[in-house]
Amino acid sequence: MPVTCRSERRRRAVSALAALLLATPAGAAGAAELPTARPVPGGIALVDLGPAGAQAPAAFRNAERVLVRADGGHWFAVVGIPLAAAPGAQLLSVRESSSASRTIRFDVQPKDYPTQALKVAPKHVDLSPKDLARYQREKQRLETVLASWSDAAPATLALAAPVGGTRSSSFGSRRVFNGQSRNPHTGMDIAAAAGEPVAAPAAGRVIETGDYFFNGNTVILDHGEGLLTLYCHLSRIDVRVGQQVAAGTPLGLVGATGRATGPHLHFGVMLNRAWVDPELLLGAAPAS
């Protein structure tokens, strides 16, 4: 092949790369970190909002603010789909800084989740009046904490595993405790030995720690723009509310506190107040 031909190809490749970089607005780093798209209940829809300008548009699903990320010169809404969402057409409201709101349709596909039967201590199924009152107080507190929104963009959407171990496929499963049906499982269980360290999968801020009736010792991180992560059943908590943590920061130790059949980590991921399958954002290696 003539040298001039190779040089021309190199020049064109460099020009194309430069054009792509110029088309990506400042602050849109990590464009290749979009999570896996799986538009099903409990999944994530990636909705193309159009060419990326200097300022990201605001997107809302049912009045809940949605995370927006740039990729390939376009803005994408990263929409968490609730497990209770009905299959079919869904609407996203988009507001530009210089124009009126517009509506974009996306479709949710059906998905069947399995049923899982578990045996736990009777007190965690048939609650005493005292435990029921505690649970109701904790539920209200959690709802307030999980409504958190911070404007700073997440450092990454590619999360490291918070602990090494076998990841269950139990997200979304319809759970039956001691023969009684309960709400579906909203996280991923990672099998790990008691005392194993649990690490932050990405940078964030601690917005809650505490001992909950069902969740046991719990930590919640806010990563920005409605991306929250949850860590339950810990034997020990090593962070405090308000603390800024880097990826890999120790959060606590694996345990079996709360309603647990044995030592493991319940790992939850929330987007726009919808629990989504953590597998869609997880990488292969634990944070270190």
C-alpha atoms as a PDB file:
ATOM      1  CA  MET A   1       0.000   0.000   0.000  1.00  0.00           C
ATOM      2  CA  PRO A   2       1.473   3.426  -0.915  1.00  0.00           C
ATOM      3  CA  VAL A   3       2.670   5.538   1.996  1.00  0.00           C
ATOM      4  CA  THR A   4       0.514   8.452   0.841  1.00  0.00           C
ATOM      5  CA  CYS A   5      -2.600   6.259   1.091  1.00  0.00           C
ATOM      6  CA  ARG A   6      -1.732   5.193   4.655  1.00  0.00           C
ATOM      7  CA  SER A   7      -1.066   8.807   5.612  1.00  0.00           C
ATOM      8  CA  GLU A   8      -4.400   9.930   4.198  1.00  0.00           C
ATOM      9  CA  ARG A   9      -6.228   7.226   6.148  1.00  0.00           C
ATOM     10  CA  ARG A  10      -4.422   8.281   9.331  1.00  0.00           C
ATOM     11  CA  ARG A  11      -5.290  11.933   8.696  1.00  0.00           C
ATOM     12  CA  ARG A  12      -8.972  11.082   8.212  1.00  0.00           C
ATOM     13  CA  ALA A  13      -9.043   8.953  11.375  1.00  0.00           C
ATOM     14  CA  VAL A  14      -7.527  11.769  13.431  1.00  0.00           C
ATOM     15  CA  SER A  15      -9.996  14.253  11.948  1.00  0.00           C
ATOM     16  CA  ALA A  16     -12.931  11.988  12.773  1.00  0.00           C
ATOM     17  CA  LEU A  17     -11.728  11.580  16.369  1.00  0.00           C
ATOM     18  CA  ALA A  18     -11.287  15.337  16.744  1.00  0.00           C
ATOM     19  CA  ALA A  19     -14.790  15.933  15.404  1.00  0.00           C
ATOM     20  CA  LEU A  20     -16.221  13.465  17.928  1.00  0.00           C
ATOM     21  CA  LEU A  21     -14.400  15.130  20.815  1.00  0.00           C
ATOM     22  CA  LEU A  22     -15.601  18.540  19.740  1.00  0.00           C
ATOM     23  CA  ALA A  23     -19.163  17.252  19.515  1.00  0.00           C
ATOM     24  CA  THR A  24     -19.040  15.988  23.115  1.00  0.00           C
ATOM     25  CA  PRO A  25     -19.781  18.807  25.561  1.00  0.00           C
ATOM     26  CA  ALA A  26     -17.587  19.549  28.534  1.00  0.00           C
ATOM     27  CA  GLY A  27     -18.436  17.443  31.560  1.00  0.00           C
ATOM     28  CA  ALA A  28     -19.703  14.554  29.441  1.00  0.00           C
ATOM     29  CA  ALA A  29     -16.702  12.356  30.151  1.00  0.00           C
ATOM     30  CA  GLY A  30     -17.452   8.684  30.660  1.00  0.00           C
ATOM     31  CA  ALA A  31     -19.738   8.603  27.616  1.00  0.00           C
ATOM     32  CA  ALA A  32     -18.907   4.937  27.050  1.00  0.00           C
ATOM     33  CA  GLU A  33     -20.138   4.064  30.554  1.00  0.00           C
ATOM     34  CA  LEU A  34     -23.843   3.927  29.758  1.00  0.00           C
ATOM     35  CA  PRO A  35     -25.391   0.930  31.505  1.00  0.00           C
ATOM     36  CA  THR A  36     -26.845  -2.042  29.688  1.00  0.00           C
ATOM     37  CA  ALA A  37     -30.224  -1.178  28.211  1.00  0.00           C
ATOM     38  CA  ARG A  38     -32.986  -3.578  29.250  1.00  0.00           C
ATOM     39  CA  PRO A  39     -36.387  -1.832  28.985  1.00  0.00           C
ATOM     40  CA  VAL A  40     -38.364  -4.192  31.220  1.00  0.00           C
ATOM     41  CA  PRO A  41     -39.879  -3.765  34.692  1.00  0.00           C
ATOM     42  CA  GLY A  42     -36.868  -3.445  36.995  1.00  0.00           C
ATOM     43  CA  GLY A  43     -34.624  -2.610  34.056  1.00  0.00           C
ATOM     44  CA  ILE A  44     -33.166   0.474  32.395  1.00  0.00           C
ATOM     45  CA  ALA A  45     -34.244   2.295  29.236  1.00  0.00           C
ATOM     46  CA  LEU A  46     -31.769   4.483  27.349  1.00  0.00           C
ATOM     47  CA  VAL A  47     -33.823   7.174  25.621  1.00  0.00           C
ATOM     48  CA  ASP A  48     -32.138   9.299  22.935  1.00  0.00           C
ATOM     49  CA  LEU A  49     -32.889  12.976  23.638  1.00  0.00           C
ATOM     50  CA  GLY A  50     -31.129  14.329  20.549  1.00  0.00           C
ATOM     51  CA  PRO A  51     -27.800  16.035  19.779  1.00  0.00           C
ATOM     52  CA  ALA A  52     -25.776  17.072  22.811  1.00  0.00           C
ATOM     53  CA  GLY A  53     -25.450  20.784  23.332  1.00  0.00           C
ATOM     54  CA  ALA A  54     -23.529  22.624  26.011  1.00  0.00           C
ATOM     55  CA  GLN A  55     -26.244  22.047  28.612  1.00  0.00           C
ATOM     56  CA  ALA A  56     -28.063  18.813  29.342  1.00  0.00           C
ATOM     57  CA  PRO A  57     -31.856  18.848  29.051  1.00  0.00           C
ATOM     58  CA  ALA A  58     -33.984  17.988  32.082  1.00  0.00           C
ATOM     59  CA  ALA A  59     -35.924  14.733  31.776  1.00  0.00           C
ATOM     60  CA  PHE A  60     -38.767  13.461  33.972  1.00  0.00           C
ATOM     61  CA  ARG A  61     -40.686  10.195  34.274  1.00  0.00           C
ATOM     62  CA  ASN A  62     -43.944  10.605  36.213  1.00  0.00           C
ATOM     63  CA  ALA A  63     -42.577  13.817  37.763  1.00  0.00           C
ATOM     64  CA  GLU A  64     -39.398  12.048  38.920  1.00  0.00           C
ATOM     65  CA  ARG A  65     -36.173  13.619  37.634  1.00  0.00           C
ATOM     66  CA  VAL A  66     -34.132  11.290  35.418  1.00  0.00           C
ATOM     67  CA  LEU A  67     -30.368  11.043  35.051  1.00  0.00           C
ATOM     68  CA  VAL A  68     -29.077  12.350  31.684  1.00  0.00           C
ATOM     69  CA  ARG A  69     -25.732  11.354  30.161  1.00  0.00           C
ATOM     70  CA  ALA A  70     -23.908  12.166  26.914  1.00  0.00           C
ATOM     71  CA  ASP A  71     -22.786   9.442  24.525  1.00  0.00           C
ATOM     72  CA  GLY A  72     -21.595   9.695  20.923  1.00  0.00           C
ATOM     73  CA  GLY A  73     -22.636  13.328  20.596  1.00  0.00           C
ATOM     74  CA  HIS A  74     -26.189  12.734  21.881  1.00  0.00           C
ATOM     75  CA  TRP A  75     -27.878  13.155  25.253  1.00  0.00           C
ATOM     76  CA  PHE A  76     -29.475  10.006  26.661  1.00  0.00           C
ATOM     77  CA  ALA A  77     -31.942   9.707  29.509  1.00  0.00           C
ATOM     78  CA  VAL A  78     -30.955   6.768  31.734  1.00  0.00           C
ATOM     79  CA  VAL A  79     -34.404   5.750  32.960  1.00  0.00           C
ATOM     80  CA  GLY A  80     -34.980   3.362  35.832  1.00  0.00           C
ATOM     81  CA  ILE A  81     -38.173   1.361  35.280  1.00  0.00           C
ATOM     82  CA  PRO A  82     -40.054   0.306  38.448  1.00  0.00           C
ATOM     83  CA  LEU A  83     -40.741  -3.389  38.982  1.00  0.00           C
ATOM     84  CA  ALA A  84     -44.444  -2.517  39.161  1.00  0.00           C
ATOM     85  CA  ALA A  85     -44.451  -0.794  35.747  1.00  0.00           C
ATOM     86  CA  ALA A  86     -46.915  -2.235  33.250  1.00  0.00           C
ATOM     87  CA  PRO A  87     -45.520  -3.278  29.874  1.00  0.00           C
ATOM     88  CA  GLY A  88     -46.330  -0.936  27.012  1.00  0.00           C
ATOM     89  CA  ALA A  89     -45.835   2.697  26.120  1.00  0.00           C
ATOM     90  CA  GLN A  90     -44.191   5.013  28.672  1.00  0.00           C
ATOM     91  CA  LEU A  91     -43.727   8.766  28.387  1.00  0.00           C
ATOM     92  CA  LEU A  92     -40.730  10.901  29.209  1.00  0.00           C
ATOM     93  CA  SER A  93     -41.088  14.667  29.595  1.00  0.00           C
ATOM     94  CA  VAL A  94     -38.066  16.626  28.367  1.00  0.00           C
ATOM     95  CA  ARG A  95     -37.415  20.284  29.038  1.00  0.00           C
ATOM     96  CA  GLU A  96     -34.723  22.225  27.168  1.00  0.00           C
ATOM     97  CA  SER A  97     -33.297  25.430  28.606  1.00  0.00           C
ATOM     98  CA  SER A  98     -34.459  27.473  25.615  1.00  0.00           C
ATOM     99  CA  SER A  99     -37.647  25.756  24.509  1.00  0.00           C
ATOM    100  CA  ALA A 100     -40.930  24.354  25.704  1.00  0.00           C
ATOM    101  CA  SER A 101     -41.284  20.844  27.077  1.00  0.00           C
ATOM    102  CA  ARG A 102     -41.659  17.917  24.724  1.00  0.00           C
ATOM    103  CA  THR A 103     -42.693  14.316  25.251  1.00  0.00           C
ATOM    104  CA  ILE A 104     -40.774  11.244  24.101  1.00  0.00           C
ATOM    105  CA  ARG A 105     -42.291   7.777  24.062  1.00  0.00           C
ATOM    106  CA  PHE A 106     -40.409   4.608  24.927  1.00  0.00           C
ATOM    107  CA  ASP A 107     -41.708   1.071  25.300  1.00  0.00           C
ATOM    108  CA  VAL A 108     -41.409  -1.325  28.235  1.00  0.00           C
ATOM    109  CA  GLN A 109     -41.262  -5.006  27.349  1.00  0.00           C
ATOM    110  CA  PRO A 110     -42.800  -7.717  29.570  1.00  0.00           C
ATOM    111  CA  LYS A 111     -40.618  -9.845  31.839  1.00  0.00           C
ATOM    112  CA  ASP A 112     -41.506 -12.767  34.082  1.00  0.00           C
ATOM    113  CA  TYR A 113     -39.590 -13.118  37.341  1.00  0.00           C
ATOM    114  CA  PRO A 114     -39.370 -16.389  39.282  1.00  0.00           C
ATOM    115  CA  THR A 115     -40.869 -17.089  42.705  1.00  0.00           C
ATOM    116  CA  GLN A 116     -38.500 -17.800  45.577  1.00  0.00           C
ATOM    117  CA  ALA A 117     -39.532 -19.586  48.802  1.00  0.00           C
ATOM    118  CA  LEU A 118     -37.476 -18.797  51.931  1.00  0.00           C
ATOM    119  CA  LYS A 119     -37.509 -19.787  55.598  1.00  0.00           C
ATOM    120  CA  VAL A 120     -36.721 -17.088  58.153  1.00  0.00           C
ATOM    121  CA  ALA A 121     -37.371 -16.450  61.832  1.00  0.00           C
ATOM    122  CA  PRO A 122     -41.156 -16.183  62.409  1.00  0.00           C
ATOM    123  CA  LYS A 123     -40.729 -12.730  64.000  1.00  0.00           C
ATOM    124  CA  HIS A 124     -39.644 -11.394  60.583  1.00  0.00           C
ATOM    125  CA  VAL A 125     -42.901 -12.540  58.946  1.00  0.00           C
ATOM    126  CA  ASP A 126     -45.579 -12.265  61.626  1.00  0.00           C
ATOM    127  CA  LEU A 127     -44.672  -8.931  63.186  1.00  0.00           C
ATOM    128  CA  SER A 128     -45.581  -8.083  66.752  1.00  0.00           C
ATOM    129  CA  PRO A 129     -47.335  -4.727  67.294  1.00  0.00           C
ATOM    130  CA  LYS A 130     -44.011  -3.285  68.526  1.00  0.00           C
ATOM    131  CA  ASP A 131     -42.068  -4.540  65.497  1.00  0.00           C
ATOM    132  CA  LEU A 132     -44.822  -3.401  63.122  1.00  0.00           C
ATOM    133  CA  ALA A 133     -44.660   0.114  64.574  1.00  0.00           C
ATOM    134  CA  ARG A 134     -40.878   0.084  64.189  1.00  0.00           C
ATOM    135  CA  TYR A 135     -41.135  -1.072  60.586  1.00  0.00           C
ATOM    136  CA  GLN A 136     -43.629   1.677  59.759  1.00  0.00           C
ATOM    137  CA  ARG A 137     -41.360   4.348  61.251  1.00  0.00           C
ATOM    138  CA  GLU A 138     -38.397   2.995  59.331  1.00  0.00           C
ATOM    139  CA  LYS A 139     -40.380   2.829  56.097  1.00  0.00           C
ATOM    140  CA  GLN A 140     -41.229   6.530  56.340  1.00  0.00           C
ATOM    141  CA  ARG A 141     -37.604   7.408  57.026  1.00  0.00           C
ATOM    142  CA  LEU A 142     -36.387   5.321  54.078  1.00  0.00           C
ATOM    143  CA  GLU A 143     -38.883   6.961  51.739  1.00  0.00           C
ATOM    144  CA  THR A 144     -37.487  10.361  52.702  1.00  0.00           C
ATOM    145  CA  VAL A 145     -33.868   9.257  52.275  1.00  0.00           C
ATOM    146  CA  LEU A 146     -34.523   7.551  48.935  1.00  0.00           C
ATOM    147  CA  ALA A 147     -36.117  10.707  47.543  1.00  0.00           C
ATOM    148  CA  SER A 148     -32.675  12.348  47.579  1.00  0.00           C
ATOM    149  CA  TRP A 149     -31.516  14.173  44.447  1.00  0.00           C
ATOM    150  CA  SER A 150     -28.168  15.901  43.956  1.00  0.00           C
ATOM    151  CA  ASP A 151     -27.343  17.893  40.832  1.00  0.00           C
ATOM    152  CA  ALA A 152     -23.717  16.758  40.534  1.00  0.00           C
ATOM    153  CA  ALA A 153     -23.305  14.087  37.850  1.00  0.00           C
ATOM    154  CA  PRO A 154     -22.145  10.626  38.947  1.00  0.00           C
ATOM    155  CA  ALA A 155     -18.412  10.049  38.565  1.00  0.00           C
ATOM    156  CA  THR A 156     -19.237   6.878  36.624  1.00  0.00           C
ATOM    157  CA  LEU A 157     -22.150   4.646  35.673  1.00  0.00           C
ATOM    158  CA  ALA A 158     -19.885   1.585  35.531  1.00  0.00           C
ATOM    159  CA  LEU A 159     -20.018   0.283  39.098  1.00  0.00           C
ATOM    160  CA  ALA A 160     -17.478  -2.093  40.591  1.00  0.00           C
ATOM    161  CA  ALA A 161     -18.772  -5.046  42.610  1.00  0.00           C
ATOM    162  CA  PRO A 162     -18.941  -3.943  46.272  1.00  0.00           C
ATOM    163  CA  VAL A 163     -17.712  -7.351  47.461  1.00  0.00           C
ATOM    164  CA  GLY A 164     -16.340 -10.483  45.852  1.00  0.00           C
ATOM    165  CA  GLY A 165     -18.597 -13.519  45.713  1.00  0.00           C
ATOM    166  CA  THR A 166     -21.281 -15.255  43.708  1.00  0.00           C
ATOM    167  CA  ARG A 167     -24.017 -12.903  42.536  1.00  0.00           C
ATOM    168  CA  SER A 168     -27.513 -14.319  42.731  1.00  0.00           C
ATOM    169  CA  SER A 169     -30.084 -13.754  40.020  1.00  0.00           C
ATOM    170  CA  SER A 170     -32.773 -13.116  42.615  1.00  0.00           C
ATOM    171  CA  PHE A 171     -33.526  -9.502  41.621  1.00  0.00           C
ATOM    172  CA  GLY A 172     -37.247  -9.131  40.920  1.00  0.00           C
ATOM    173  CA  SER A 173     -38.126 -12.575  42.265  1.00  0.00           C
ATOM    174  CA  ARG A 174     -41.507 -12.871  43.981  1.00  0.00           C
ATOM    175  CA  ARG A 175     -40.614 -13.836  47.525  1.00  0.00           C
ATOM    176  CA  VAL A 176     -42.548 -16.181  49.780  1.00  0.00           C
ATOM    177  CA  PHE A 177     -41.390 -16.127  53.412  1.00  0.00           C
ATOM    178  CA  ASN A 178     -42.556 -19.051  55.549  1.00  0.00           C
ATOM    179  CA  GLY A 179     -45.376 -19.654  53.062  1.00  0.00           C
ATOM    180  CA  GLN A 180     -46.511 -16.011  52.977  1.00  0.00           C
ATOM    181  CA  SER A 181     -46.140 -13.908  49.828  1.00  0.00           C
ATOM    182  CA  ARG A 182     -44.262 -10.622  50.152  1.00  0.00           C
ATOM    183  CA  ASN A 183     -42.959  -7.849  47.897  1.00  0.00           C
ATOM    184  CA  PRO A 184     -40.502  -8.758  45.115  1.00  0.00           C
ATOM    185  CA  HIS A 185     -36.784  -8.684  45.806  1.00  0.00           C
ATOM    186  CA  THR A 186     -35.413  -5.266  44.907  1.00  0.00           C
ATOM    187  CA  GLY A 187     -31.688  -5.999  44.995  1.00  0.00           C
ATOM    188  CA  MET A 188     -28.946  -8.501  44.273  1.00  0.00           C
ATOM    189  CA  ASP A 189     -27.719 -10.914  46.930  1.00  0.00           C
ATOM    190  CA  ILE A 190     -23.959 -11.493  46.816  1.00  0.00           C
ATOM    191  CA  ALA A 191     -22.766 -14.576  48.685  1.00  0.00           C
ATOM    192  CA  ALA A 192     -19.783 -13.690  50.877  1.00  0.00           C
ATOM    193  CA  ALA A 193     -18.390 -14.818  54.201  1.00  0.00           C
ATOM    194  CA  ALA A 194     -19.229 -12.942  57.374  1.00  0.00           C
ATOM    195  CA  GLY A 195     -16.661 -10.237  58.016  1.00  0.00           C
ATOM    196  CA  GLU A 196     -15.727  -9.689  54.361  1.00  0.00           C
ATOM    197  CA  PRO A 197     -15.188  -5.961  53.678  1.00  0.00           C
ATOM    198  CA  VAL A 198     -17.807  -4.146  51.586  1.00  0.00           C
ATOM    199  CA  ALA A 199     -16.430  -1.302  49.439  1.00  0.00           C
ATOM    200  CA  ALA A 200     -18.046   1.649  47.683  1.00  0.00           C
ATOM    201  CA  PRO A 201     -18.469   0.725  43.982  1.00  0.00           C
ATOM    202  CA  ALA A 202     -18.043   4.376  42.929  1.00  0.00           C
ATOM    203  CA  ALA A 203     -17.545   7.797  44.493  1.00  0.00           C
ATOM    204  CA  GLY A 204     -20.511   9.145  46.424  1.00  0.00           C
ATOM    205  CA  ARG A 205     -21.833  10.620  49.653  1.00  0.00           C
ATOM    206  CA  VAL A 206     -23.221   8.652  52.598  1.00  0.00           C
ATOM    207  CA  ILE A 207     -26.825   9.745  53.102  1.00  0.00           C
ATOM    208  CA  GLU A 208     -27.980   7.085  55.576  1.00  0.00           C
ATOM    209  CA  THR A 209     -26.651   4.534  58.035  1.00  0.00           C
ATOM    210  CA  GLY A 210     -28.649   2.610  60.605  1.00  0.00           C
ATOM    211  CA  ASP A 211     -30.059  -0.628  61.967  1.00  0.00           C
ATOM    212  CA  TYR A 212     -33.342  -1.491  60.204  1.00  0.00           C
ATOM    213  CA  PHE A 213     -35.774  -4.254  61.168  1.00  0.00           C
ATOM    214  CA  PHE A 214     -35.717  -6.029  57.795  1.00  0.00           C
ATOM    215  CA  ASN A 215     -32.506  -4.663  56.246  1.00  0.00           C
ATOM    216  CA  GLY A 216     -30.314  -4.926  59.340  1.00  0.00           C
ATOM    217  CA  ASN A 217     -27.269  -2.664  59.437  1.00  0.00           C
ATOM    218  CA  THR A 218     -27.623  -0.502  56.342  1.00  0.00           C
ATOM    219  CA  VAL A 219     -25.635   2.071  54.361  1.00  0.00           C
ATOM    220  CA  ILE A 220     -27.012   4.200  51.499  1.00  0.00           C
ATOM    221  CA  LEU A 221     -24.842   6.201  49.079  1.00  0.00           C
ATOM    222  CA  ASP A 222     -25.874   9.077  46.802  1.00  0.00           C
ATOM    223  CA  HIS A 223     -23.774   9.089  43.608  1.00  0.00           C
ATOM    224  CA  GLY A 224     -25.593  12.003  41.949  1.00  0.00           C
ATOM    225  CA  GLU A 225     -28.637  12.672  39.737  1.00  0.00           C
ATOM    226  CA  GLY A 226     -30.851  10.115  41.428  1.00  0.00           C
ATOM    227  CA  LEU A 227     -28.354   7.230  41.323  1.00  0.00           C
ATOM    228  CA  LEU A 228     -28.344   5.664  44.809  1.00  0.00           C
ATOM    229  CA  THR A 229     -26.860   2.404  46.092  1.00  0.00           C
ATOM    230  CA  LEU A 230     -27.930   0.375  49.137  1.00  0.00           C
ATOM    231  CA  TYR A 231     -25.989  -2.126  51.302  1.00  0.00           C
ATOM    232  CA  CYS A 232     -27.869  -4.286  53.821  1.00  0.00           C
ATOM    233  CA  HIS A 233     -27.357  -6.969  56.499  1.00  0.00           C
ATOM    234  CA  LEU A 234     -23.910  -5.626  57.441  1.00  0.00           C
ATOM    235  CA  SER A 235     -22.298  -6.877  60.643  1.00  0.00           C
ATOM    236  CA  ARG A 236     -20.522  -3.530  61.038  1.00  0.00           C
ATOM    237  CA  ILE A 237     -20.822  -0.024  59.570  1.00  0.00           C
ATOM    238  CA  ASP A 238     -17.587   1.907  58.978  1.00  0.00           C
ATOM    239  CA  VAL A 239     -18.867   5.221  57.550  1.00  0.00           C
ATOM    240  CA  ARG A 240     -20.961   8.119  58.799  1.00  0.00           C
ATOM    241  CA  VAL A 241     -23.756  10.195  57.293  1.00  0.00           C
ATOM    242  CA  GLY A 242     -22.397  13.133  55.283  1.00  0.00           C
ATOM    243  CA  GLN A 243     -19.086  11.444  54.541  1.00  0.00           C
ATOM    244  CA  GLN A 244     -17.770  11.717  50.986  1.00  0.00           C
ATOM    245  CA  VAL A 245     -16.325   8.383  49.851  1.00  0.00           C
ATOM    246  CA  ALA A 246     -14.128   7.430  46.922  1.00  0.00           C
ATOM    247  CA  ALA A 247     -14.503   4.219  44.951  1.00  0.00           C
ATOM    248  CA  GLY A 248     -13.117   1.410  47.070  1.00  0.00           C
ATOM    249  CA  THR A 249     -13.723   3.103  50.443  1.00  0.00           C
ATOM    250  CA  PRO A 250     -14.681   0.482  53.082  1.00  0.00           C
ATOM    251  CA  LEU A 251     -18.354   0.838  54.024  1.00  0.00           C
ATOM    252  CA  GLY A 252     -18.623  -2.033  56.492  1.00  0.00           C
ATOM    253  CA  LEU A 253     -18.475  -5.805  56.813  1.00  0.00           C
ATOM    254  CA  VAL A 254     -20.701  -8.571  55.446  1.00  0.00           C
ATOM    255  CA  GLY A 255     -23.117  -9.930  58.021  1.00  0.00           C
ATOM    256  CA  ALA A 256     -26.553 -11.464  58.570  1.00  0.00           C
ATOM    257  CA  THR A 257     -28.399  -8.754  60.483  1.00  0.00           C
ATOM    258  CA  GLY A 258     -32.098  -8.081  59.876  1.00  0.00           C
ATOM    259  CA  ARG A 259     -34.174 -10.550  57.865  1.00  0.00           C
ATOM    260  CA  ALA A 260     -31.427 -12.759  56.448  1.00  0.00           C
ATOM    261  CA  THR A 261     -31.062 -16.509  56.040  1.00  0.00           C
ATOM    262  CA  GLY A 262     -27.273 -16.262  56.421  1.00  0.00           C
ATOM    263  CA  PRO A 263     -24.285 -13.986  55.793  1.00  0.00           C
ATOM    264  CA  HIS A 264     -24.499 -12.142  52.490  1.00  0.00           C
ATOM    265  CA  LEU A 265     -24.703  -8.637  51.053  1.00  0.00           C
ATOM    266  CA  HIS A 266     -27.981  -7.279  49.740  1.00  0.00           C
ATOM    267  CA  PHE A 267     -26.887  -4.747  47.128  1.00  0.00           C
ATOM    268  CA  GLY A 268     -29.495  -2.391  45.679  1.00  0.00           C
ATOM    269  CA  VAL A 269     -29.338   0.206  42.907  1.00  0.00           C
ATOM    270  CA  MET A 270     -31.928   2.958  42.493  1.00  0.00           C
ATOM    271  CA  LEU A 271     -32.474   5.266  39.504  1.00  0.00           C
ATOM    272  CA  ASN A 272     -35.140   8.019  39.566  1.00  0.00           C
ATOM    273  CA  ARG A 273     -36.646   6.321  42.645  1.00  0.00           C
ATOM    274  CA  ALA A 274     -36.964   2.945  40.899  1.00  0.00           C
ATOM    275  CA  TRP A 275     -35.061  -0.128  42.036  1.00  0.00           C
ATOM    276  CA  VAL A 276     -33.264  -1.606  39.037  1.00  0.00           C
ATOM    277  CA  ASP A 277     -31.243  -4.758  38.459  1.00  0.00           C
ATOM    278  CA  PRO A 278     -27.685  -3.984  39.687  1.00  0.00           C
ATOM    279  CA  GLU A 279     -26.277  -6.340  37.056  1.00  0.00           C
ATOM    280  CA  LEU A 280     -27.008  -3.708  34.406  1.00  0.00           C
ATOM    281  CA  LEU A 281     -24.418  -1.338  35.921  1.00  0.00           C
ATOM    282  CA  LEU A 282     -21.918  -3.757  37.439  1.00  0.00           C
ATOM    283  CA  GLY A 283     -18.463  -4.532  36.146  1.00  0.00           C
ATOM    284  CA  ALA A 284     -16.668  -7.809  36.769  1.00  0.00           C
ATOM    285  CA  ALA A 285     -14.225  -6.970  39.575  1.00  0.00           C
ATOM    286  CA  PRO A 286     -14.820  -5.802  43.157  1.00  0.00           C
ATOM    287  CA  ALA A 287     -13.758  -2.282  44.107  1.00  0.00           C
ATOM    288  CA  SER A 288     -10.283  -2.035  45.618  1.00  0.00           C
END
